[in-house]
Amino acid sequence: MTEQLLRRITHDPQVMGGRPCIRGLRVTVGTVVGLLAASRSVEEMLRACPSLERDDVLAALAYAAWRAAEHDLPLKAS
């Protein structure tokens, strides 16, 4: 299921500066996650942005969780 959800996340340098977006729309993952963090309900978001679907919100959360799980390792100078 997570893999299917992550397919909804797109990156296009011509859309929102290449930030991860929902299905090529001008709605970023950060916007969706930020609205949830601000206590907005999924239903509120869907009413405010009719182009969004419930699975888009789940995809944004799955993407954010995946990114948060990554670990960057510092490179040693040679």
PDB file of N, CA and C in Angstrom:
ATOM      1  N   MET A   1       0.822  -1.196   0.000  1.00  0.00           N
ATOM      2  CA  MET A   1       0.000   0.000   0.000  1.00  0.00           C
ATOM      3  C   MET A   1       0.865   1.258   0.000  1.00  0.00           C
ATOM      4  N   THR A   2       1.922   1.281   0.797  1.00  0.00           N
ATOM      5  CA  THR A   2       2.765   2.473   0.871  1.00  0.00           C
ATOM      6  C   THR A   2       3.395   2.783  -0.475  1.00  0.00           C
ATOM      7  N   GLU A   3       3.820   1.765  -1.191  1.00  0.00           N
ATOM      8  CA  GLU A   3       4.438   1.984  -2.503  1.00  0.00           C
ATOM      9  C   GLU A   3       3.443   2.638  -3.470  1.00  0.00           C
ATOM     10  N   GLN A   4       2.211   2.185  -3.431  1.00  0.00           N
ATOM     11  CA  GLN A   4       1.179   2.788  -4.283  1.00  0.00           C
ATOM     12  C   GLN A   4       0.945   4.246  -3.898  1.00  0.00           C
ATOM     13  N   LEU A   5       0.917   4.513  -2.602  1.00  0.00           N
ATOM     14  CA  LEU A   5       0.712   5.892  -2.147  1.00  0.00           C
ATOM     15  C   LEU A   5       1.865   6.777  -2.595  1.00  0.00           C
ATOM     16  N   LEU A   6       3.082   6.287  -2.482  1.00  0.00           N
ATOM     17  CA  LEU A   6       4.244   7.104  -2.832  1.00  0.00           C
ATOM     18  C   LEU A   6       4.284   7.452  -4.319  1.00  0.00           C
ATOM     19  N   ARG A   7       3.604   6.691  -5.154  1.00  0.00           N
ATOM     20  CA  ARG A   7       3.532   7.020  -6.581  1.00  0.00           C
ATOM     21  C   ARG A   7       2.765   8.316  -6.821  1.00  0.00           C
ATOM     22  N   ARG A   8       1.985   8.739  -5.851  1.00  0.00           N
ATOM     23  CA  ARG A   8       1.231   9.990  -5.968  1.00  0.00           C
ATOM     24  C   ARG A   8       2.113  11.219  -5.761  1.00  0.00           C
ATOM     25  N   ILE A   9       3.312  11.020  -5.244  1.00  0.00           N
ATOM     26  CA  ILE A   9       4.220  12.133  -4.981  1.00  0.00           C
ATOM     27  C   ILE A   9       5.093  12.346  -6.212  1.00  0.00           C
ATOM     28  N   THR A  10       5.111  13.578  -6.698  1.00  0.00           N
ATOM     29  CA  THR A  10       5.875  13.895  -7.902  1.00  0.00           C
ATOM     30  C   THR A  10       6.889  14.992  -7.613  1.00  0.00           C
ATOM     31  N   HIS A  11       7.943  15.013  -8.434  1.00  0.00           N
ATOM     32  CA  HIS A  11       8.975  16.055  -8.366  1.00  0.00           C
ATOM     33  C   HIS A  11       9.175  16.587  -9.776  1.00  0.00           C
ATOM     34  N   ASP A  12       8.940  17.848  -9.963  1.00  0.00           N
ATOM     35  CA  ASP A  12       9.100  18.473 -11.270  1.00  0.00           C
ATOM     36  C   ASP A  12       9.682  19.858 -11.044  1.00  0.00           C
ATOM     37  N   PRO A  13      10.869  20.121 -11.597  1.00  0.00           N
ATOM     38  CA  PRO A  13      11.486  21.429 -11.397  1.00  0.00           C
ATOM     39  C   PRO A  13      10.600  22.597 -11.842  1.00  0.00           C
ATOM     40  N   GLN A  14       9.648  22.332 -12.725  1.00  0.00           N
ATOM     41  CA  GLN A  14       8.758  23.373 -13.225  1.00  0.00           C
ATOM     42  C   GLN A  14       7.528  23.603 -12.325  1.00  0.00           C
ATOM     43  N   VAL A  15       7.354  22.744 -11.335  1.00  0.00           N
ATOM     44  CA  VAL A  15       6.201  22.850 -10.438  1.00  0.00           C
ATOM     45  C   VAL A  15       6.694  23.055  -9.019  1.00  0.00           C
ATOM     46  N   MET A  16       6.375  24.196  -8.444  1.00  0.00           N
ATOM     47  CA  MET A  16       6.717  24.524  -7.060  1.00  0.00           C
ATOM     48  C   MET A  16       8.216  24.357  -6.773  1.00  0.00           C
ATOM     49  N   GLY A  17       9.016  24.709  -7.749  1.00  0.00           N
ATOM     50  CA  GLY A  17      10.468  24.672  -7.565  1.00  0.00           C
ATOM     51  C   GLY A  17      11.036  23.289  -7.350  1.00  0.00           C
ATOM     52  N   GLY A  18      10.314  22.260  -7.767  1.00  0.00           N
ATOM     53  CA  GLY A  18      10.823  20.892  -7.633  1.00  0.00           C
ATOM     54  C   GLY A  18      10.525  20.248  -6.289  1.00  0.00           C
ATOM     55  N   ARG A  19       9.841  20.978  -5.410  1.00  0.00           N
ATOM     56  CA  ARG A  19       9.481  20.372  -4.121  1.00  0.00           C
ATOM     57  C   ARG A  19       8.506  19.227  -4.360  1.00  0.00           C
ATOM     58  N   PRO A  20       8.499  18.240  -3.485  1.00  0.00           N
ATOM     59  CA  PRO A  20       7.576  17.115  -3.666  1.00  0.00           C
ATOM     60  C   PRO A  20       6.130  17.594  -3.600  1.00  0.00           C
ATOM     61  N   CYS A  21       5.361  17.226  -4.629  1.00  0.00           N
ATOM     62  CA  CYS A  21       3.969  17.650  -4.757  1.00  0.00           C
ATOM     63  C   CYS A  21       3.054  16.443  -4.869  1.00  0.00           C
ATOM     64  N   ILE A  22       1.789  16.719  -4.717  1.00  0.00           N
ATOM     65  CA  ILE A  22       0.771  15.689  -4.855  1.00  0.00           C
ATOM     66  C   ILE A  22       0.327  15.618  -6.314  1.00  0.00           C
ATOM     67  N   ARG A  23       0.589  14.504  -6.962  1.00  0.00           N
ATOM     68  CA  ARG A  23       0.137  14.214  -8.334  1.00  0.00           C
ATOM     69  C   ARG A  23       0.367  15.352  -9.315  1.00  0.00           C
ATOM     70  N   GLY A  24       1.465  16.067  -9.192  1.00  0.00           N
ATOM     71  CA  GLY A  24       1.772  17.141 -10.126  1.00  0.00           C
ATOM     72  C   GLY A  24       0.985  18.411  -9.888  1.00  0.00           C
ATOM     73  N   LEU A  25       0.133  18.397  -8.879  1.00  0.00           N
ATOM     74  CA  LEU A  25      -0.626  19.598  -8.529  1.00  0.00           C
ATOM     75  C   LEU A  25       0.303  20.594  -7.848  1.00  0.00           C
ATOM     76  N   ARG A  26      -0.142  21.792  -7.675  1.00  0.00           N
ATOM     77  CA  ARG A  26       0.641  22.805  -6.980  1.00  0.00           C
ATOM     78  C   ARG A  26       0.354  22.769  -5.484  1.00  0.00           C
ATOM     79  N   VAL A  27       0.241  21.555  -4.970  1.00  0.00           N
ATOM     80  CA  VAL A  27       0.041  21.317  -3.540  1.00  0.00           C
ATOM     81  C   VAL A  27       1.221  20.486  -3.068  1.00  0.00           C
ATOM     82  N   THR A  28       2.032  21.060  -2.196  1.00  0.00           N
ATOM     83  CA  THR A  28       3.231  20.353  -1.751  1.00  0.00           C
ATOM     84  C   THR A  28       2.936  19.417  -0.590  1.00  0.00           C
ATOM     85  N   VAL A  29       3.816  18.437  -0.446  1.00  0.00           N
ATOM     86  CA  VAL A  29       3.743  17.536   0.697  1.00  0.00           C
ATOM     87  C   VAL A  29       3.836  18.354   1.985  1.00  0.00           C
ATOM     88  N   GLY A  30       4.724  19.336   2.000  1.00  0.00           N
ATOM     89  CA  GLY A  30       4.897  20.175   3.183  1.00  0.00           C
ATOM     90  C   GLY A  30       3.628  20.914   3.566  1.00  0.00           C
ATOM     91  N   THR A  31       2.873  21.364   2.577  1.00  0.00           N
ATOM     92  CA  THR A  31       1.615  22.050   2.858  1.00  0.00           C
ATOM     93  C   THR A  31       0.629  21.105   3.523  1.00  0.00           C
ATOM     94  N   VAL A  32       0.493  19.916   2.977  1.00  0.00           N
ATOM     95  CA  VAL A  32      -0.454  18.937   3.522  1.00  0.00           C
ATOM     96  C   VAL A  32      -0.056  18.553   4.945  1.00  0.00           C
ATOM     97  N   VAL A  33       1.208  18.225   5.153  1.00  0.00           N
ATOM     98  CA  VAL A  33       1.662  17.830   6.485  1.00  0.00           C
ATOM     99  C   VAL A  33       1.538  18.998   7.458  1.00  0.00           C
ATOM    100  N   GLY A  34       1.851  20.194   6.990  1.00  0.00           N
ATOM    101  CA  GLY A  34       1.725  21.375   7.842  1.00  0.00           C
ATOM    102  C   GLY A  34       0.291  21.635   8.274  1.00  0.00           C
ATOM    103  N   LEU A  35      -0.647  21.441   7.364  1.00  0.00           N
ATOM    104  CA  LEU A  35      -2.058  21.626   7.720  1.00  0.00           C
ATOM    105  C   LEU A  35      -2.508  20.591   8.750  1.00  0.00           C
ATOM    106  N   LEU A  36      -2.057  19.357   8.594  1.00  0.00           N
ATOM    107  CA  LEU A  36      -2.381  18.335   9.592  1.00  0.00           C
ATOM    108  C   LEU A  36      -1.774  18.694  10.947  1.00  0.00           C
ATOM    109  N   ALA A  37      -0.547  19.195  10.932  1.00  0.00           N
ATOM    110  CA  ALA A  37       0.112  19.593  12.184  1.00  0.00           C
ATOM    111  C   ALA A  37      -0.603  20.771  12.841  1.00  0.00           C
ATOM    112  N   ALA A  38      -1.292  21.570  12.031  1.00  0.00           N
ATOM    113  CA  ALA A  38      -2.041  22.721  12.545  1.00  0.00           C
ATOM    114  C   ALA A  38      -3.473  22.319  12.922  1.00  0.00           C
ATOM    115  N   SER A  39      -3.687  21.032  13.078  1.00  0.00           N
ATOM    116  CA  SER A  39      -4.977  20.486  13.514  1.00  0.00           C
ATOM    117  C   SER A  39      -6.096  20.588  12.486  1.00  0.00           C
ATOM    118  N   ARG A  40      -5.746  20.743  11.210  1.00  0.00           N
ATOM    119  CA  ARG A  40      -6.778  20.702  10.166  1.00  0.00           C
ATOM    120  C   ARG A  40      -7.143  19.247   9.924  1.00  0.00           C
ATOM    121  N   SER A  41      -8.403  18.982   9.741  1.00  0.00           N
ATOM    122  CA  SER A  41      -8.828  17.610   9.473  1.00  0.00           C
ATOM    123  C   SER A  41      -8.674  17.313   7.985  1.00  0.00           C
ATOM    124  N   VAL A  42      -8.650  16.033   7.677  1.00  0.00           N
ATOM    125  CA  VAL A  42      -8.587  15.614   6.278  1.00  0.00           C
ATOM    126  C   VAL A  42      -9.804  16.160   5.542  1.00  0.00           C
ATOM    127  N   GLU A  43     -10.956  16.095   6.178  1.00  0.00           N
ATOM    128  CA  GLU A  43     -12.185  16.578   5.544  1.00  0.00           C
ATOM    129  C   GLU A  43     -12.092  18.070   5.228  1.00  0.00           C
ATOM    130  N   GLU A  44     -11.506  18.859   6.135  1.00  0.00           N
ATOM    131  CA  GLU A  44     -11.338  20.294   5.882  1.00  0.00           C
ATOM    132  C   GLU A  44     -10.454  20.526   4.662  1.00  0.00           C
ATOM    133  N   MET A  45      -9.372  19.766   4.576  1.00  0.00           N
ATOM    134  CA  MET A  45      -8.460  19.923   3.446  1.00  0.00           C
ATOM    135  C   MET A  45      -9.137  19.549   2.133  1.00  0.00           C
ATOM    136  N   LEU A  46      -9.909  18.477   2.149  1.00  0.00           N
ATOM    137  CA  LEU A  46     -10.579  18.036   0.929  1.00  0.00           C
ATOM    138  C   LEU A  46     -11.630  19.048   0.478  1.00  0.00           C
ATOM    139  N   ARG A  47     -12.293  19.688   1.434  1.00  0.00           N
ATOM    140  CA  ARG A  47     -13.272  20.728   1.070  1.00  0.00           C
ATOM    141  C   ARG A  47     -12.569  21.962   0.518  1.00  0.00           C
ATOM    142  N   ALA A  48     -11.437  22.333   1.133  1.00  0.00           N
ATOM    143  CA  ALA A  48     -10.721  23.543   0.712  1.00  0.00           C
ATOM    144  C   ALA A  48     -10.022  23.360  -0.631  1.00  0.00           C
ATOM    145  N   CYS A  49      -9.620  22.137  -0.931  1.00  0.00           N
ATOM    146  CA  CYS A  49      -8.905  21.855  -2.183  1.00  0.00           C
ATOM    147  C   CYS A  49      -9.554  20.636  -2.843  1.00  0.00           C
ATOM    148  N   PRO A  50     -10.589  20.859  -3.638  1.00  0.00           N
ATOM    149  CA  PRO A  50     -11.338  19.743  -4.234  1.00  0.00           C
ATOM    150  C   PRO A  50     -10.503  18.814  -5.122  1.00  0.00           C
ATOM    151  N   SER A  51      -9.348  19.274  -5.577  1.00  0.00           N
ATOM    152  CA  SER A  51      -8.516  18.403  -6.416  1.00  0.00           C
ATOM    153  C   SER A  51      -7.780  17.348  -5.583  1.00  0.00           C
ATOM    154  N   LEU A  52      -7.731  17.529  -4.268  1.00  0.00           N
ATOM    155  CA  LEU A  52      -7.100  16.536  -3.397  1.00  0.00           C
ATOM    156  C   LEU A  52      -8.038  15.370  -3.138  1.00  0.00           C
ATOM    157  N   GLU A  53      -7.433  14.211  -2.938  1.00  0.00           N
ATOM    158  CA  GLU A  53      -8.170  13.003  -2.563  1.00  0.00           C
ATOM    159  C   GLU A  53      -7.619  12.506  -1.240  1.00  0.00           C
ATOM    160  N   ARG A  54      -8.413  11.736  -0.540  1.00  0.00           N
ATOM    161  CA  ARG A  54      -7.990  11.206   0.764  1.00  0.00           C
ATOM    162  C   ARG A  54      -6.635  10.483   0.653  1.00  0.00           C
ATOM    163  N   ASP A  55      -6.443   9.690  -0.390  1.00  0.00           N
ATOM    164  CA  ASP A  55      -5.175   8.977  -0.556  1.00  0.00           C
ATOM    165  C   ASP A  55      -4.002   9.936  -0.768  1.00  0.00           C
ATOM    166  N   ASP A  56      -4.261  11.141  -1.257  1.00  0.00           N
ATOM    167  CA  ASP A  56      -3.194  12.133  -1.405  1.00  0.00           C
ATOM    168  C   ASP A  56      -2.663  12.541  -0.032  1.00  0.00           C
ATOM    169  N   VAL A  57      -3.568  12.702   0.915  1.00  0.00           N
ATOM    170  CA  VAL A  57      -3.160  13.065   2.273  1.00  0.00           C
ATOM    171  C   VAL A  57      -2.341  11.927   2.887  1.00  0.00           C
ATOM    172  N   LEU A  58      -2.806  10.708   2.698  1.00  0.00           N
ATOM    173  CA  LEU A  58      -2.057   9.548   3.197  1.00  0.00           C
ATOM    174  C   LEU A  58      -0.698   9.446   2.517  1.00  0.00           C
ATOM    175  N   ALA A  59      -0.655   9.761   1.235  1.00  0.00           N
ATOM    176  CA  ALA A  59       0.614   9.725   0.505  1.00  0.00           C
ATOM    177  C   ALA A  59       1.588  10.755   1.067  1.00  0.00           C
ATOM    178  N   ALA A  60       1.097  11.941   1.390  1.00  0.00           N
ATOM    179  CA  ALA A  60       1.960  12.980   1.960  1.00  0.00           C
ATOM    180  C   ALA A  60       2.532  12.519   3.292  1.00  0.00           C
ATOM    181  N   LEU A  61       1.716  11.888   4.105  1.00  0.00           N
ATOM    182  CA  LEU A  61       2.202  11.377   5.388  1.00  0.00           C
ATOM    183  C   LEU A  61       3.218  10.248   5.196  1.00  0.00           C
ATOM    184  N   ALA A  62       2.934   9.353   4.260  1.00  0.00           N
ATOM    185  CA  ALA A  62       3.863   8.248   3.992  1.00  0.00           C
ATOM    186  C   ALA A  62       5.199   8.788   3.497  1.00  0.00           C
ATOM    187  N   TYR A  63       5.153   9.797   2.633  1.00  0.00           N
ATOM    188  CA  TYR A  63       6.378  10.385   2.109  1.00  0.00           C
ATOM    189  C   TYR A  63       7.161  11.069   3.224  1.00  0.00           C
ATOM    190  N   ALA A  64       6.470  11.825   4.058  1.00  0.00           N
ATOM    191  CA  ALA A  64       7.137  12.515   5.164  1.00  0.00           C
ATOM    192  C   ALA A  64       7.776  11.511   6.122  1.00  0.00           C
ATOM    193  N   ALA A  65       7.085  10.417   6.396  1.00  0.00           N
ATOM    194  CA  ALA A  65       7.641   9.388   7.276  1.00  0.00           C
ATOM    195  C   ALA A  65       8.869   8.742   6.650  1.00  0.00           C
ATOM    196  N   TRP A  66       8.797   8.477   5.362  1.00  0.00           N
ATOM    197  CA  TRP A  66       9.935   7.873   4.656  1.00  0.00           C
ATOM    198  C   TRP A  66      11.141   8.800   4.712  1.00  0.00           C
ATOM    199  N   ARG A  67      10.911  10.101   4.453  1.00  0.00           N
ATOM    200  CA  ARG A  67      12.014  11.066   4.484  1.00  0.00           C
ATOM    201  C   ARG A  67      12.590  11.211   5.889  1.00  0.00           C
ATOM    202  N   ALA A  68      11.745  11.175   6.885  1.00  0.00           N
ATOM    203  CA  ALA A  68      12.209  11.327   8.266  1.00  0.00           C
ATOM    204  C   ALA A  68      13.047  10.129   8.701  1.00  0.00           C
ATOM    205  N   ALA A  69      12.835   8.990   8.075  1.00  0.00           N
ATOM    206  CA  ALA A  69      13.569   7.777   8.443  1.00  0.00           C
ATOM    207  C   ALA A  69      14.959   7.723   7.818  1.00  0.00           C
ATOM    208  N   GLU A  70      15.231   8.593   6.851  1.00  0.00           N
ATOM    209  CA  GLU A  70      16.545   8.590   6.206  1.00  0.00           C
ATOM    210  C   GLU A  70      17.601   9.144   7.149  1.00  0.00           C
ATOM    211  N   HIS A  71      18.813   8.657   6.970  1.00  0.00           N
ATOM    212  CA  HIS A  71      19.935   9.138   7.770  1.00  0.00           C
ATOM    213  C   HIS A  71      21.023   9.636   6.838  1.00  0.00           C
ATOM    214  N   ASP A  72      21.396  10.875   6.967  1.00  0.00           N
ATOM    215  CA  ASP A  72      22.497  11.420   6.182  1.00  0.00           C
ATOM    216  C   ASP A  72      23.789  11.212   6.945  1.00  0.00           C
ATOM    217  N   LEU A  73      24.779  10.719   6.253  1.00  0.00           N
ATOM    218  CA  LEU A  73      26.084  10.505   6.863  1.00  0.00           C
ATOM    219  C   LEU A  73      27.049  11.567   6.366  1.00  0.00           C
ATOM    220  N   PRO A  74      27.806  12.171   7.272  1.00  0.00           N
ATOM    221  CA  PRO A  74      28.776  13.176   6.842  1.00  0.00           C
ATOM    222  C   PRO A  74      29.887  12.519   6.020  1.00  0.00           C
ATOM    223  N   LEU A  75      30.348  13.241   5.007  1.00  0.00           N
ATOM    224  CA  LEU A  75      31.448  12.761   4.188  1.00  0.00           C
ATOM    225  C   LEU A  75      32.775  13.201   4.809  1.00  0.00           C
ATOM    226  N   LYS A  76      33.742  12.309   4.774  1.00  0.00           N
ATOM    227  CA  LYS A  76      35.069  12.656   5.273  1.00  0.00           C
ATOM    228  C   LYS A  76      35.845  13.396   4.186  1.00  0.00           C
ATOM    229  N   ALA A  77      36.571  14.393   4.600  1.00  0.00           N
ATOM    230  CA  ALA A  77      37.437  15.096   3.653  1.00  0.00           C
ATOM    231  C   ALA A  77      38.570  14.168   3.268  1.00  0.00           C
ATOM    232  N   SER A  78      38.929  14.158   1.992  1.00  0.00           N
ATOM    233  CA  SER A  78      40.015  13.253   1.561  1.00  0.00           C
ATOM    234  C   SER A  78      41.333  13.964   1.536  1.00  0.00           C
TER     235      SER A  78
END
